[in-house]
Amino acid sequence: MDMYTVFQMVWWMLLGVLLSGLAVMVGMDMGVGTILRYVGRSDLERRVALNIVGPHWEGNQV
């Protein structure tokens, strides 16, 4: 295997890991927003769901 092929493999693996991490980080807060209509039947349940994702939102979005 020549070095060009090795660098290509490393690059695509690195890109895959980074995009997977992005999907996990973005997916959590967007997932809570999506299911909030079904999970949050009362004001208390909505606030609990939003408080669960709050620290994650602050750490990644600000």
Protein backbone atom coordinates (compact mmCIF):
# COMPACT_ATOMS: atom_id res chain seq x y z
CA MET A 1 0.00 0.00 0.00
CA ASP A 2 1.39 3.36 -0.91
CA MET A 3 1.30 6.37 1.44
CA TYR A 4 -1.42 8.15 -0.54
CA THR A 5 -3.85 5.31 0.11
CA VAL A 6 -2.93 5.24 3.80
CA PHE A 7 -3.51 9.00 4.11
CA GLN A 8 -6.85 8.65 2.34
CA MET A 9 -7.96 5.93 4.74
CA VAL A 10 -6.86 7.94 7.79
CA TRP A 11 -8.59 11.07 6.48
CA TRP A 12 -11.91 9.33 5.83
CA MET A 13 -11.81 7.58 9.21
CA LEU A 14 -11.08 10.88 10.96
CA LEU A 15 -13.88 12.59 9.06
CA GLY A 16 -16.27 9.76 9.94
CA VAL A 17 -15.42 10.01 13.64
CA LEU A 18 -15.88 13.79 13.64
CA LEU A 19 -19.20 13.64 11.80
CA SER A 20 -20.42 10.87 14.10
CA GLY A 21 -19.56 13.02 17.11
CA LEU A 22 -21.40 15.95 15.58
CA ALA A 23 -24.47 13.80 14.94
CA VAL A 24 -24.50 12.63 18.56
CA MET A 25 -24.05 16.13 19.96
CA VAL A 26 -26.62 17.79 17.70
CA GLY A 27 -28.98 14.83 17.85
CA MET A 28 -29.48 15.03 21.59
CA ASP A 29 -30.86 18.55 21.78
CA MET A 30 -32.77 18.30 18.52
CA GLY A 31 -34.23 14.99 19.69
CA VAL A 32 -35.54 16.56 22.88
CA GLY A 33 -37.08 19.36 20.86
CA THR A 34 -38.71 16.86 18.54
CA ILE A 35 -40.26 14.66 21.21
CA LEU A 36 -41.16 17.56 23.50
CA ARG A 37 -44.65 17.64 22.02
CA TYR A 38 -45.27 14.04 23.09
CA VAL A 39 -43.25 13.89 26.30
CA GLY A 40 -44.13 17.25 27.80
CA ARG A 41 -47.82 16.97 28.54
CA SER A 42 -47.71 19.39 31.46
CA ASP A 43 -45.56 22.43 32.12
CA LEU A 44 -43.54 20.52 34.72
CA GLU A 45 -42.75 17.69 32.26
CA ARG A 46 -41.68 20.22 29.61
CA ARG A 47 -39.39 21.98 32.06
CA VAL A 48 -37.83 18.67 33.16
CA ALA A 49 -37.13 17.69 29.53
CA LEU A 50 -35.60 21.09 28.77
CA ASN A 51 -33.52 21.05 31.96
CA ILE A 52 -32.11 17.66 30.99
CA VAL A 53 -30.70 19.03 27.75
CA GLY A 54 -29.82 22.46 29.22
CA PRO A 55 -26.20 21.84 30.28
CA HIS A 56 -25.50 20.05 26.99
CA TRP A 57 -26.98 22.95 25.02
CA GLU A 58 -24.97 25.53 26.95
CA GLY A 59 -21.73 23.60 26.53
CA ASN A 60 -22.03 22.99 22.80
CA GLN A 61 -24.10 25.80 21.34
CA VAL A 62 -22.76 28.90 23.06
